[in-house]
N, C-alpha and C. Protein backbone atom coordinates (compact mmCIF):
# COMPACT_ATOMS: atom_id res chain seq x y z
N MET A 1 -37.97 31.98 8.73
CA MET A 1 -37.41 30.82 8.07
C MET A 1 -35.95 30.69 8.50
N THR A 2 -35.55 29.49 8.85
CA THR A 2 -34.18 29.28 9.33
C THR A 2 -33.28 28.77 8.22
N THR A 3 -32.03 29.12 8.33
CA THR A 3 -31.04 28.64 7.37
C THR A 3 -30.60 27.24 7.77
N PRO A 4 -30.63 26.29 6.83
CA PRO A 4 -30.17 24.94 7.18
C PRO A 4 -28.69 24.93 7.49
N LYS A 5 -28.32 24.06 8.37
CA LYS A 5 -26.92 23.91 8.75
C LYS A 5 -26.38 22.61 8.21
N ALA A 6 -25.12 22.63 7.79
CA ALA A 6 -24.46 21.39 7.39
C ALA A 6 -24.20 20.59 8.65
N VAL A 7 -24.53 19.33 8.62
CA VAL A 7 -24.30 18.50 9.79
C VAL A 7 -23.04 17.67 9.66
N GLY A 8 -22.36 17.80 8.54
CA GLY A 8 -21.03 17.22 8.41
C GLY A 8 -20.96 15.73 8.18
N ASN A 9 -22.05 15.10 7.75
CA ASN A 9 -21.96 13.67 7.50
C ASN A 9 -22.56 13.33 6.14
N ALA A 10 -22.12 14.03 5.13
CA ALA A 10 -22.58 13.73 3.77
C ALA A 10 -22.17 12.30 3.43
N THR A 11 -23.02 11.64 2.65
CA THR A 11 -22.75 10.23 2.35
C THR A 11 -21.98 10.10 1.05
N GLY A 12 -20.71 9.93 1.14
CA GLY A 12 -19.90 9.67 -0.05
C GLY A 12 -19.58 10.90 -0.88
N VAL A 13 -19.20 10.62 -2.09
CA VAL A 13 -18.80 11.65 -3.05
C VAL A 13 -19.89 11.75 -4.11
N PRO A 14 -20.36 12.96 -4.40
CA PRO A 14 -21.38 13.10 -5.44
C PRO A 14 -20.91 12.49 -6.76
N THR A 15 -21.87 12.00 -7.51
CA THR A 15 -21.57 11.31 -8.76
C THR A 15 -20.72 12.17 -9.69
N TYR A 16 -21.05 13.45 -9.80
CA TYR A 16 -20.33 14.31 -10.73
C TYR A 16 -18.90 14.62 -10.29
N LEU A 17 -18.56 14.36 -9.03
CA LEU A 17 -17.18 14.55 -8.58
C LEU A 17 -16.36 13.26 -8.63
N ARG A 18 -17.01 12.13 -8.88
CA ARG A 18 -16.29 10.85 -8.89
C ARG A 18 -15.27 10.77 -10.01
N ARG A 19 -15.53 11.39 -11.15
CA ARG A 19 -14.56 11.39 -12.24
C ARG A 19 -13.29 12.10 -11.79
N ARG A 20 -13.46 13.18 -11.03
CA ARG A 20 -12.31 13.89 -10.50
C ARG A 20 -11.51 12.99 -9.57
N VAL A 21 -12.20 12.22 -8.74
CA VAL A 21 -11.52 11.30 -7.83
C VAL A 21 -10.70 10.30 -8.63
N ALA A 22 -11.29 9.77 -9.71
CA ALA A 22 -10.57 8.80 -10.55
C ALA A 22 -9.29 9.42 -11.11
N TRP A 23 -9.37 10.66 -11.57
CA TRP A 23 -8.17 11.32 -12.08
C TRP A 23 -7.14 11.56 -10.98
N PHE A 24 -7.61 11.91 -9.79
CA PHE A 24 -6.68 12.14 -8.69
C PHE A 24 -6.01 10.85 -8.25
N VAL A 25 -6.75 9.76 -8.24
CA VAL A 25 -6.14 8.46 -7.90
C VAL A 25 -5.10 8.10 -8.95
N ALA A 26 -5.44 8.28 -10.24
CA ALA A 26 -4.48 7.99 -11.31
C ALA A 26 -3.24 8.87 -11.17
N GLY A 27 -3.44 10.14 -10.83
CA GLY A 27 -2.30 11.05 -10.62
C GLY A 27 -1.44 10.62 -9.45
N SER A 28 -2.09 10.17 -8.38
CA SER A 28 -1.35 9.71 -7.21
C SER A 28 -0.54 8.46 -7.52
N VAL A 29 -1.13 7.54 -8.26
CA VAL A 29 -0.41 6.32 -8.66
C VAL A 29 0.78 6.69 -9.54
N PHE A 30 0.56 7.60 -10.49
CA PHE A 30 1.65 8.04 -11.36
C PHE A 30 2.78 8.67 -10.54
N LEU A 31 2.41 9.56 -9.61
CA LEU A 31 3.44 10.19 -8.78
C LEU A 31 4.15 9.17 -7.91
N GLY A 32 3.42 8.16 -7.42
CA GLY A 32 4.05 7.11 -6.62
C GLY A 32 5.06 6.32 -7.44
N LEU A 33 4.68 5.99 -8.67
CA LEU A 33 5.61 5.29 -9.56
C LEU A 33 6.81 6.16 -9.90
N LEU A 34 6.56 7.45 -10.05
CA LEU A 34 7.65 8.39 -10.32
C LEU A 34 8.63 8.42 -9.15
N VAL A 35 8.11 8.40 -7.93
CA VAL A 35 8.97 8.38 -6.75
C VAL A 35 9.82 7.12 -6.74
N VAL A 36 9.20 5.97 -7.04
CA VAL A 36 9.95 4.71 -7.08
C VAL A 36 11.04 4.77 -8.15
N LEU A 37 10.70 5.27 -9.32
CA LEU A 37 11.68 5.39 -10.41
C LEU A 37 12.82 6.33 -10.03
N ILE A 38 12.46 7.47 -9.45
CA ILE A 38 13.50 8.43 -9.03
C ILE A 38 14.39 7.80 -7.96
N SER A 39 13.79 7.08 -7.03
CA SER A 39 14.58 6.44 -5.97
C SER A 39 15.55 5.41 -6.56
N TRP A 40 15.04 4.63 -7.49
CA TRP A 40 15.85 3.58 -8.08
C TRP A 40 16.97 4.16 -8.96
N LEU A 41 16.60 5.09 -9.84
CA LEU A 41 17.60 5.69 -10.73
C LEU A 41 18.45 6.74 -10.03
N GLY A 42 17.79 7.49 -9.15
CA GLY A 42 18.46 8.62 -8.53
C GLY A 42 19.70 8.27 -7.75
N GLN A 43 19.67 7.15 -7.07
CA GLN A 43 20.81 6.76 -6.27
C GLN A 43 22.00 6.41 -7.15
N ARG A 44 21.74 6.09 -8.39
CA ARG A 44 22.82 5.67 -9.28
C ARG A 44 23.39 6.80 -10.13
N VAL A 45 22.50 7.72 -10.57
CA VAL A 45 22.97 8.72 -11.53
C VAL A 45 22.83 10.16 -11.07
N MET A 46 22.18 10.40 -9.95
CA MET A 46 21.98 11.76 -9.47
C MET A 46 22.68 11.95 -8.14
N PRO A 47 23.07 13.18 -7.85
CA PRO A 47 23.59 13.44 -6.50
C PRO A 47 22.46 13.22 -5.48
N ALA A 48 22.84 12.88 -4.26
CA ALA A 48 21.86 12.54 -3.23
C ALA A 48 20.84 13.66 -3.02
N TRP A 49 21.29 14.92 -2.99
CA TRP A 49 20.36 16.02 -2.74
C TRP A 49 19.31 16.12 -3.86
N ALA A 50 19.68 15.80 -5.10
CA ALA A 50 18.76 15.93 -6.23
C ALA A 50 17.66 14.88 -6.18
N TRP A 51 18.01 13.64 -5.89
CA TRP A 51 16.95 12.63 -5.87
C TRP A 51 16.09 12.74 -4.63
N ILE A 52 16.65 13.20 -3.52
CA ILE A 52 15.83 13.43 -2.32
C ILE A 52 14.86 14.59 -2.57
N ALA A 53 15.34 15.64 -3.22
CA ALA A 53 14.47 16.77 -3.56
C ALA A 53 13.37 16.34 -4.53
N SER A 54 13.72 15.48 -5.48
CA SER A 54 12.72 14.99 -6.44
C SER A 54 11.62 14.21 -5.74
N ILE A 55 12.00 13.38 -4.79
CA ILE A 55 11.01 12.62 -4.03
C ILE A 55 10.13 13.57 -3.21
N ALA A 56 10.74 14.55 -2.57
CA ALA A 56 9.98 15.51 -1.77
C ALA A 56 9.00 16.30 -2.64
N ILE A 57 9.43 16.69 -3.83
CA ILE A 57 8.56 17.46 -4.72
C ILE A 57 7.39 16.62 -5.20
N THR A 58 7.63 15.38 -5.60
CA THR A 58 6.52 14.54 -6.07
C THR A 58 5.56 14.22 -4.92
N GLY A 59 6.08 14.01 -3.74
CA GLY A 59 5.20 13.77 -2.58
C GLY A 59 4.36 15.00 -2.26
N SER A 60 4.96 16.17 -2.37
CA SER A 60 4.23 17.42 -2.13
C SER A 60 3.14 17.62 -3.18
N LEU A 61 3.44 17.29 -4.43
CA LEU A 61 2.43 17.40 -5.48
C LEU A 61 1.24 16.50 -5.19
N ASN A 62 1.51 15.33 -4.67
CA ASN A 62 0.43 14.42 -4.30
C ASN A 62 -0.45 15.06 -3.23
N GLY A 63 0.16 15.68 -2.25
CA GLY A 63 -0.61 16.37 -1.21
C GLY A 63 -1.43 17.51 -1.76
N VAL A 64 -0.86 18.25 -2.71
CA VAL A 64 -1.59 19.36 -3.35
C VAL A 64 -2.80 18.84 -4.11
N ILE A 65 -2.62 17.74 -4.83
CA ILE A 65 -3.73 17.17 -5.60
C ILE A 65 -4.89 16.82 -4.67
N TRP A 66 -4.62 16.15 -3.57
CA TRP A 66 -5.71 15.73 -2.69
C TRP A 66 -6.30 16.88 -1.90
N SER A 67 -5.51 17.87 -1.54
CA SER A 67 -6.10 19.02 -0.85
C SER A 67 -6.97 19.82 -1.81
N TRP A 68 -6.61 19.87 -3.09
CA TRP A 68 -7.42 20.54 -4.10
C TRP A 68 -8.78 19.86 -4.20
N PHE A 69 -8.79 18.54 -4.23
CA PHE A 69 -10.07 17.82 -4.27
C PHE A 69 -10.87 18.08 -3.00
N GLY A 70 -10.22 18.06 -1.85
CA GLY A 70 -10.92 18.32 -0.59
C GLY A 70 -11.58 19.68 -0.58
N LYS A 71 -10.89 20.69 -1.11
CA LYS A 71 -11.47 22.04 -1.19
C LYS A 71 -12.66 22.06 -2.13
N ALA A 72 -12.57 21.35 -3.26
CA ALA A 72 -13.69 21.30 -4.20
C ALA A 72 -14.90 20.65 -3.54
N LEU A 73 -14.69 19.58 -2.79
CA LEU A 73 -15.79 18.91 -2.11
C LEU A 73 -16.39 19.81 -1.04
N GLU A 74 -15.56 20.52 -0.30
CA GLU A 74 -16.05 21.47 0.71
C GLU A 74 -16.90 22.56 0.07
N ARG A 75 -16.43 23.08 -1.08
CA ARG A 75 -17.19 24.12 -1.80
C ARG A 75 -18.57 23.62 -2.19
N GLU A 76 -18.62 22.38 -2.70
CA GLU A 76 -19.90 21.82 -3.12
C GLU A 76 -20.81 21.57 -1.92
N GLN A 77 -20.25 21.10 -0.81
CA GLN A 77 -21.06 20.88 0.38
C GLN A 77 -21.58 22.20 0.94
N LYS A 78 -20.78 23.25 0.87
CA LYS A 78 -21.23 24.57 1.33
C LYS A 78 -22.36 25.08 0.43
N ARG A 79 -22.20 24.91 -0.88
CA ARG A 79 -23.23 25.33 -1.82
C ARG A 79 -24.53 24.58 -1.56
N ALA A 80 -24.42 23.28 -1.29
CA ALA A 80 -25.60 22.48 -0.99
C ALA A 80 -26.25 22.94 0.32
N ALA A 81 -25.44 23.22 1.33
CA ALA A 81 -25.98 23.68 2.62
C ALA A 81 -26.70 25.01 2.46
N GLU A 82 -26.12 25.91 1.67
CA GLU A 82 -26.74 27.22 1.46
C GLU A 82 -28.08 27.13 0.74
N SER A 83 -28.26 26.08 -0.07
CA SER A 83 -29.51 25.93 -0.81
C SER A 83 -30.44 24.92 -0.14
N GLY A 84 -30.16 24.53 1.09
CA GLY A 84 -31.00 23.56 1.79
C GLY A 84 -30.87 22.15 1.23
N GLY A 85 -29.73 21.85 0.64
CA GLY A 85 -29.50 20.53 0.07
C GLY A 85 -30.06 20.37 -1.33
N ARG A 86 -30.50 21.46 -1.94
CA ARG A 86 -31.15 21.40 -3.25
C ARG A 86 -30.14 21.53 -4.38
N VAL A 87 -29.23 20.57 -4.43
CA VAL A 87 -28.24 20.45 -5.50
C VAL A 87 -28.29 19.00 -5.96
N CYS A 88 -28.42 18.80 -7.27
CA CYS A 88 -28.52 17.44 -7.82
C CYS A 88 -27.26 16.64 -7.47
N TRP A 89 -27.47 15.46 -6.89
CA TRP A 89 -26.36 14.60 -6.50
C TRP A 89 -25.64 14.03 -7.71
N THR A 90 -26.34 13.90 -8.83
CA THR A 90 -25.77 13.28 -10.02
C THR A 90 -24.94 14.25 -10.86
N CYS A 91 -25.44 15.48 -11.06
CA CYS A 91 -24.74 16.40 -11.97
C CYS A 91 -24.32 17.71 -11.33
N GLY A 92 -24.81 18.03 -10.13
CA GLY A 92 -24.42 19.27 -9.46
C GLY A 92 -25.28 20.46 -9.81
N TYR A 93 -26.35 20.26 -10.56
CA TYR A 93 -27.25 21.34 -10.96
C TYR A 93 -27.98 21.88 -9.74
N SER A 94 -28.09 23.20 -9.63
CA SER A 94 -28.82 23.81 -8.53
C SER A 94 -30.32 23.63 -8.76
N LEU A 95 -30.99 23.02 -7.79
CA LEU A 95 -32.42 22.77 -7.89
C LEU A 95 -33.23 23.80 -7.13
N ALA A 96 -32.57 24.86 -6.67
CA ALA A 96 -33.27 25.94 -5.96
C ALA A 96 -34.23 26.62 -6.93
N GLY A 97 -35.43 26.89 -6.43
CA GLY A 97 -36.40 27.61 -7.24
C GLY A 97 -37.25 26.73 -8.15
N ILE A 98 -37.05 25.43 -8.14
CA ILE A 98 -37.90 24.54 -8.93
C ILE A 98 -38.62 23.58 -7.99
N ALA A 99 -39.41 22.69 -8.51
CA ALA A 99 -40.24 21.80 -7.68
C ALA A 99 -39.44 21.13 -6.57
N LYS A 100 -40.07 20.96 -5.41
CA LYS A 100 -39.38 20.35 -4.27
C LYS A 100 -38.94 18.93 -4.56
N ALA A 101 -39.71 18.20 -5.35
CA ALA A 101 -39.36 16.84 -5.75
C ALA A 101 -39.68 16.71 -7.23
N GLY A 102 -38.92 15.89 -7.91
CA GLY A 102 -39.17 15.72 -9.33
C GLY A 102 -37.96 15.15 -10.04
N VAL A 103 -37.73 15.68 -11.24
CA VAL A 103 -36.64 15.22 -12.09
C VAL A 103 -35.72 16.40 -12.38
N CYS A 104 -34.42 16.19 -12.24
CA CYS A 104 -33.45 17.24 -12.53
C CYS A 104 -33.54 17.63 -14.00
N PRO A 105 -33.68 18.93 -14.30
CA PRO A 105 -33.77 19.34 -15.70
C PRO A 105 -32.45 19.19 -16.47
N GLU A 106 -31.35 19.05 -15.76
CA GLU A 106 -30.05 18.93 -16.41
C GLU A 106 -29.74 17.50 -16.82
N CYS A 107 -29.94 16.54 -15.89
CA CYS A 107 -29.52 15.16 -16.17
C CYS A 107 -30.66 14.15 -16.20
N GLY A 108 -31.86 14.56 -15.77
CA GLY A 108 -33.00 13.66 -15.80
C GLY A 108 -33.10 12.71 -14.62
N GLN A 109 -32.25 12.87 -13.63
CA GLN A 109 -32.28 12.01 -12.44
C GLN A 109 -33.38 12.49 -11.50
N GLY A 110 -34.18 11.56 -10.97
CA GLY A 110 -35.22 11.92 -10.01
C GLY A 110 -34.60 12.34 -8.69
N TYR A 111 -35.31 13.19 -7.97
CA TYR A 111 -34.82 13.65 -6.66
C TYR A 111 -35.99 13.94 -5.74
N ASP A 112 -35.72 13.92 -4.45
CA ASP A 112 -36.67 14.41 -3.45
C ASP A 112 -35.85 15.10 -2.37
N PRO A 113 -36.43 16.08 -1.67
CA PRO A 113 -35.65 16.90 -0.74
C PRO A 113 -35.02 16.12 0.41
N GLU A 114 -35.73 15.13 0.94
CA GLU A 114 -35.17 14.37 2.07
C GLU A 114 -33.91 13.60 1.67
N THR A 115 -33.96 12.95 0.51
CA THR A 115 -32.80 12.20 0.04
C THR A 115 -31.61 13.13 -0.21
N LEU A 116 -31.89 14.27 -0.85
CA LEU A 116 -30.80 15.21 -1.14
C LEU A 116 -30.19 15.75 0.15
N ARG A 117 -31.04 16.14 1.11
CA ARG A 117 -30.49 16.66 2.38
C ARG A 117 -29.67 15.58 3.09
N SER A 118 -30.16 14.35 3.05
CA SER A 118 -29.43 13.26 3.69
C SER A 118 -28.07 13.04 3.01
N ARG A 119 -28.08 12.99 1.69
CA ARG A 119 -26.82 12.76 0.96
C ARG A 119 -25.82 13.89 1.17
N TRP A 120 -26.31 15.12 1.18
CA TRP A 120 -25.41 16.26 1.35
C TRP A 120 -25.06 16.51 2.82
N GLY A 121 -25.75 15.84 3.73
CA GLY A 121 -25.48 16.04 5.15
C GLY A 121 -25.97 17.38 5.64
N VAL A 122 -27.14 17.81 5.15
CA VAL A 122 -27.71 19.11 5.52
C VAL A 122 -28.92 18.87 6.41
N ALA A 123 -28.99 19.61 7.52
CA ALA A 123 -30.16 19.50 8.40
C ALA A 123 -31.38 20.04 7.67
N GLY A 124 -32.57 19.63 8.10
CA GLY A 124 -33.82 20.03 7.44
C GLY A 124 -34.03 21.52 7.40
N GLY A 125 -34.96 21.92 6.56
CA GLY A 125 -35.30 23.34 6.44
C GLY A 125 -35.03 23.84 5.05
N GLU A 126 -35.62 24.95 4.75
CA GLU A 126 -35.44 25.61 3.46
C GLU A 126 -34.36 26.67 3.60
N PRO A 127 -33.71 27.03 2.51
CA PRO A 127 -32.70 28.09 2.60
C PRO A 127 -33.36 29.41 2.97
N ALA A 128 -32.59 30.25 3.63
CA ALA A 128 -33.09 31.57 4.00
C ALA A 128 -33.30 32.42 2.76
N SER A 129 -34.33 33.24 2.79
CA SER A 129 -34.58 34.15 1.66
C SER A 129 -33.57 35.28 1.71
N PRO A 130 -33.13 35.75 0.54
CA PRO A 130 -32.11 36.83 0.54
C PRO A 130 -32.64 38.13 1.04
């Protein structure tokens, strides 16, 4: 039995990670507004080094937020690849060891192996036995 390989073209963001994306977008917008506010106020009431540092820090935080999400998505894609794509797209529940097609016991969403492998970007095949 061969181990499935990730083919690197997962379709979109799984449903259960979309809430995280919404929070990250909101955080990015907040940090962007903070940068604008610091730029506007900073030039008037702060020394130049302080407002430039504030802008650099908020921009760096934005980068940290998005790299954190990227790592979370990579972790989930790796988990899906290791299980042959048998991870529920809606809730993230591991479907390994249960019927090849059916309904997720966690969220009630229907699934089939071909759709899951396609969404996760995993080549065909079952996961290797331990």
